[in-house]
Protein backbone atom coordinates (compact mmCIF):
# COMPACT_ATOMS: atom_id res chain seq x y z
CA MET A 1 0.00 0.00 0.00
CA ASN A 2 1.24 3.47 -0.89
CA LYS A 3 1.83 5.95 1.91
CA LEU A 4 -1.40 7.80 2.68
CA THR A 5 -0.99 11.43 3.69
CA LEU A 6 -3.68 13.89 4.75
CA LYS A 7 -2.92 17.59 4.99
CA ALA A 8 -4.49 19.24 8.03
CA GLU A 9 -4.48 22.42 10.05
CA THR A 10 -4.87 22.96 13.78
CA ARG A 11 -8.38 24.08 14.61
CA ASN A 12 -9.66 26.75 17.00
CA ILE A 13 -13.28 26.67 15.84
CA PHE A 14 -15.76 24.67 17.91
CA GLY A 15 -19.46 24.22 18.58
CA LYS A 16 -22.06 25.79 16.33
CA LYS A 17 -19.41 27.65 14.30
CA LEU A 18 -18.42 24.31 12.76
CA LYS A 19 -21.49 24.44 10.49
CA LYS A 20 -19.84 27.20 8.49
CA ILE A 21 -16.63 25.33 7.72
CA ARG A 22 -18.56 22.15 6.88
CA LYS A 23 -20.45 24.09 4.20
CA GLN A 24 -17.04 25.00 2.78
CA GLY A 25 -16.08 21.35 2.43
CA ILE A 26 -13.92 21.28 5.56
CA ILE A 27 -14.33 18.55 8.20
CA PRO A 28 -13.32 18.89 11.87
CA GLY A 29 -11.50 16.15 13.72
CA ASN A 30 -9.35 15.29 16.71
CA ILE A 31 -6.05 13.44 17.06
CA TYR A 32 -5.34 11.81 20.39
CA GLY A 33 -3.18 9.04 21.78
CA GLN A 34 -0.90 7.84 24.53
CA ASP A 35 1.79 10.41 25.39
CA PHE A 36 0.28 12.75 22.81
CA LYS A 37 -1.53 16.00 23.52
CA SER A 38 -5.02 15.88 22.02
CA THR A 39 -5.12 18.19 18.99
CA ALA A 40 -8.16 19.64 17.23
CA VAL A 41 -7.69 19.65 13.44
CA SER A 42 -9.58 20.34 10.22
CA PHE A 43 -9.04 18.95 6.72
CA ASN A 44 -10.55 18.84 3.25
CA LEU A 45 -13.55 16.49 2.93
CA LYS A 46 -12.70 15.27 -0.60
CA ASP A 47 -9.09 14.55 0.39
CA PHE A 48 -10.28 12.54 3.38
CA ILE A 49 -12.76 10.50 1.32
CA ASN A 50 -10.00 9.55 -1.14
CA VAL A 51 -7.75 8.46 1.72
CA TYR A 52 -10.49 6.58 3.57
CA LYS A 53 -11.41 4.53 0.47
CA VAL A 54 -7.92 3.03 0.64
CA SER A 55 -7.14 3.00 4.37
CA GLY A 56 -10.49 2.08 5.93
CA GLU A 57 -9.99 1.90 9.70
CA THR A 58 -6.97 -0.42 9.55
CA GLY A 59 -4.55 1.48 7.30
CA ILE A 60 -2.08 4.09 8.54
CA VAL A 61 -2.92 7.71 7.73
CA TYR A 62 -0.05 10.20 8.05
CA PHE A 63 -1.16 13.68 9.06
CA SER A 64 0.85 16.50 7.57
CA LEU A 65 0.62 18.94 10.47
CA LYS A 66 2.93 21.87 11.24
CA GLU A 67 5.67 20.46 9.00
CA LYS A 68 5.51 17.16 10.87
CA GLU A 69 4.06 13.78 9.96
CA VAL A 70 1.85 12.18 12.58
CA PRO A 71 0.99 8.47 11.99
CA THR A 72 -2.61 7.67 12.94
CA LEU A 73 -5.40 5.15 12.62
CA ILE A 74 -8.97 6.28 11.98
CA LYS A 75 -10.81 5.57 15.21
CA SER A 76 -14.38 6.66 14.53
CA LEU A 77 -16.59 8.55 12.10
CA GLN A 78 -19.54 10.64 13.21
CA LYS A 79 -22.33 11.16 10.66
CA HIS A 80 -25.59 13.09 10.64
CA PRO A 81 -28.40 10.68 11.65
CA VAL A 82 -30.71 11.89 8.87
CA THR A 83 -28.55 13.04 5.94
CA ASP A 84 -25.66 10.63 6.66
CA LYS A 85 -23.21 13.45 5.92
CA LEU A 86 -19.81 13.20 7.57
CA LEU A 87 -19.56 15.53 10.58
CA HIS A 88 -16.43 14.63 12.51
CA VAL A 89 -13.53 12.15 12.55
CA ASP A 90 -11.42 10.92 15.46
CA PHE A 91 -7.88 9.70 14.84
CA ARG A 92 -5.63 7.69 17.17
CA LYS A 93 -1.96 8.65 17.14
CA ILE A 94 0.20 5.51 17.03
CA ASP A 95 3.81 4.47 17.51
CA LEU A 96 4.94 2.43 14.51
CA LYS A 97 7.23 0.38 16.75
CA LYS A 98 4.54 -0.58 19.26
CA LYS A 99 1.74 -3.10 18.81
CA VAL A 100 -1.85 -1.86 18.90
CA GLU A 101 -5.25 -3.51 19.15
CA THR A 102 -7.87 -2.70 16.55
CA GLU A 103 -10.99 -4.16 14.95
CA VAL A 104 -10.53 -5.69 11.49
CA PRO A 105 -13.58 -6.22 9.22
CA VAL A 106 -14.72 -9.64 7.97
CA LYS A 107 -15.55 -10.15 4.29
CA VAL A 108 -17.43 -13.21 2.99
CA THR A 109 -16.48 -14.76 -0.36
CA GLY A 110 -17.55 -17.83 -2.32
CA VAL A 111 -20.85 -19.71 -2.53
CA SER A 112 -22.17 -22.14 0.06
CA GLU A 113 -23.85 -25.33 -1.13
CA ALA A 114 -25.90 -25.35 2.08
CA VAL A 115 -27.44 -22.04 1.01
CA THR A 116 -27.90 -22.49 -2.75
CA GLN A 117 -29.00 -26.13 -2.78
CA LYS A 118 -30.39 -26.80 0.69
CA ALA A 119 -32.21 -23.51 1.37
CA GLY A 120 -30.06 -22.62 4.36
CA VAL A 121 -29.72 -19.09 5.71
CA LEU A 122 -26.24 -17.58 5.96
CA LEU A 123 -25.49 -15.67 9.18
CA LEU A 124 -22.49 -13.37 9.58
CA GLN A 125 -22.16 -13.42 13.36
CA SER A 126 -18.93 -11.42 13.66
CA GLU A 127 -18.53 -8.40 11.40
CA THR A 128 -15.10 -7.58 12.88
CA LEU A 129 -12.36 -9.39 14.77
CA LEU A 130 -10.03 -7.86 17.36
CA VAL A 131 -6.39 -8.01 16.28
CA GLU A 132 -3.09 -7.10 17.96
CA ALA A 133 -0.19 -6.19 15.68
CA LEU A 134 2.35 -3.59 14.72
CA PRO A 135 0.50 -0.84 12.82
CA GLU A 136 2.11 -1.77 9.50
CA ASP A 137 1.15 -5.46 9.94
CA ILE A 138 -2.58 -4.94 10.56
CA PRO A 139 -4.53 -6.87 7.89
CA SER A 140 -7.01 -4.82 5.85
CA HIS A 141 -9.70 -7.51 6.35
CA PHE A 142 -10.32 -11.21 7.00
CA GLU A 143 -11.61 -13.10 3.96
CA ILE A 144 -13.94 -15.99 4.84
CA ASP A 145 -14.60 -18.53 2.06
CA ILE A 146 -18.07 -19.99 2.68
CA SER A 147 -17.77 -22.61 -0.07
CA GLN A 148 -16.48 -24.96 2.62
CA ILE A 149 -19.90 -24.87 4.29
CA LYS A 150 -21.86 -27.68 2.61
CA GLU A 151 -24.38 -28.67 5.29
CA ILE A 152 -26.96 -26.77 7.31
CA GLY A 153 -25.68 -26.31 10.84
CA GLN A 154 -22.04 -25.95 9.83
CA GLU A 155 -20.12 -22.92 11.09
CA ILE A 156 -16.73 -21.27 10.85
CA LYS A 157 -15.11 -20.20 14.09
CA VAL A 158 -12.11 -18.01 14.84
CA SER A 159 -10.13 -21.18 15.53
CA ASP A 160 -10.69 -22.23 11.87
CA LEU A 161 -8.97 -19.14 10.45
CA LYS A 162 -5.41 -19.16 9.18
CA LYS A 163 -2.77 -18.12 11.70
CA SER A 164 -0.11 -15.49 11.01
CA GLU A 165 3.18 -14.54 12.64
CA LYS A 166 2.49 -10.88 11.89
CA TYR A 167 -0.61 -10.51 14.03
CA GLN A 168 -2.59 -12.20 16.80
CA ILE A 169 -6.37 -12.51 16.80
CA LYS A 170 -7.57 -11.54 20.27
CA THR A 171 -11.20 -12.53 19.69
CA PRO A 172 -11.92 -15.82 21.56
CA LEU A 173 -11.19 -18.93 19.46
CA GLU A 174 -14.67 -20.39 20.07
CA LYS A 175 -16.39 -17.30 18.65
CA VAL A 176 -18.52 -18.17 15.60
CA VAL A 177 -17.78 -15.95 12.58
CA VAL A 178 -20.12 -17.41 9.94
CA SER A 179 -22.80 -20.11 10.09
CA VAL A 180 -25.65 -21.55 8.04
CA ILE A 181 -28.95 -22.35 9.74
CA ALA A 182 -32.22 -23.90 8.56
CA HIS A 183 -34.84 -21.60 7.08
CA LYS A 184 -37.83 -21.26 9.38
CA GLU A 185 -41.25 -20.97 7.79
CA GLU A 186 -43.45 -18.21 9.19
CA SER A 187 -46.51 -19.51 10.96
CA VAL A 188 -49.86 -18.67 9.30
CA THR A 189 -52.75 -17.60 11.52
CA PRO A 190 -56.06 -19.32 10.52
CA GLU A 191 -58.77 -16.94 9.33
CA THR A 192 -61.16 -18.18 12.02
CA THR A 193 -58.96 -16.91 14.82
CA VAL A 194 -58.29 -13.35 15.82
CA ALA A 195 -54.64 -12.52 16.30
CA ALA A 196 -53.73 -10.64 19.45
CA PRO A 197 -52.75 -7.02 18.81
CA GLU A 198 -49.00 -6.45 18.54
CA ILE A 199 -47.57 -4.41 21.38
CA LEU A 200 -44.66 -2.23 20.39
CA THR A 201 -42.20 -1.15 23.03
CA GLU A 202 -39.22 1.11 22.67
CA LYS A 203 -35.89 -0.50 23.49
CA GLU A 204 -33.57 1.42 25.71
CA GLY A 205 -30.28 2.39 24.06
CA GLU A 206 -27.82 5.15 23.41
CA VAL A 207 -29.01 8.25 21.61
CA PRO A 208 -26.94 8.90 18.43
CA VAL A 209 -24.37 11.59 19.14
CA GLU A 210 -23.51 14.17 16.51
CA ALA A 211 -20.11 15.75 16.31
CA GLU A 212 -19.10 18.53 18.71
CA GLU A 213 -22.09 20.40 20.17
CA GLU A 214 -24.70 19.75 17.46
CA THR A 215 -26.58 17.04 19.31
CA ALA A 216 -30.14 18.12 19.89
CA LYS A 217 -31.28 17.97 23.48
CA PRO A 218 -34.30 15.73 23.95
CA THR A 219 -37.45 17.44 25.11
CA GLU A 220 -38.38 16.41 28.64
CA ALA A 221 -41.85 15.02 28.95
CA LYS A 222 -43.98 16.89 31.46
CA PRO A 223 -45.48 14.67 34.15
CA THR A 224 -49.24 14.19 34.00
CA PRO A 225 -50.91 16.07 36.92
CA PRO A 226 -52.75 13.84 39.41
CA PRO A 227 -56.54 13.76 39.07
CA GLU A 228 -58.43 16.28 41.21
CA LYS A 229 -60.10 14.90 44.28
CA THR A 230 -63.87 15.21 44.23
CA LYS A 231 -65.74 16.13 47.38
CA GLU A 232 -68.19 13.59 48.58
CA THR A 233 -71.79 14.82 48.71
CA LYS A 234 -73.32 14.51 52.11
CA LYS A 235 -76.59 12.64 52.14
């Protein structure tokens, strides 16, 4: 892989003022790491997209910053929950001579006989695997050939993957990566019976966070006032 360099400038614009630079095609970000002072930066959106297409989150990105080159890994992307536009990027400063842990994506290749001929359903149970390696030895992805799965119920675990001297997979060996299960037919409710109404409940979870200070604050629900007490009529 060719050396990937991203030109950036230190940033002193924060909060709501970031909307203006985003309209100009500039994206804010932060670089942080061990023994490294967190630095706010900004860079050209198109330049970043070209770099990200090659690096993903496992390739080294060198920041050209104040006449210095800072090696980093892309840690996280923050996007607008509605428009999906890129809002902010976090980078982790790394030491090329020290091993790091990072998530590496899994890619499925091939055709499974259990799926095409036996109507099985393919399940990708691990989209990424945790890897420890020197930054330059981090694999871009793990390629899983599913043509070896010929029967329903078969699975591929971490322990089945090829080993390498350049990196160590930290995900537990018994973790299932890909499996094929039997297709379950949906039950049909007879017309003579009345199905019970479906009750929808909201699952608790984290609210999506937008970059910097653009996250909208949720409106607090006002408590319902207690019913007024009625006076009893004397007989």
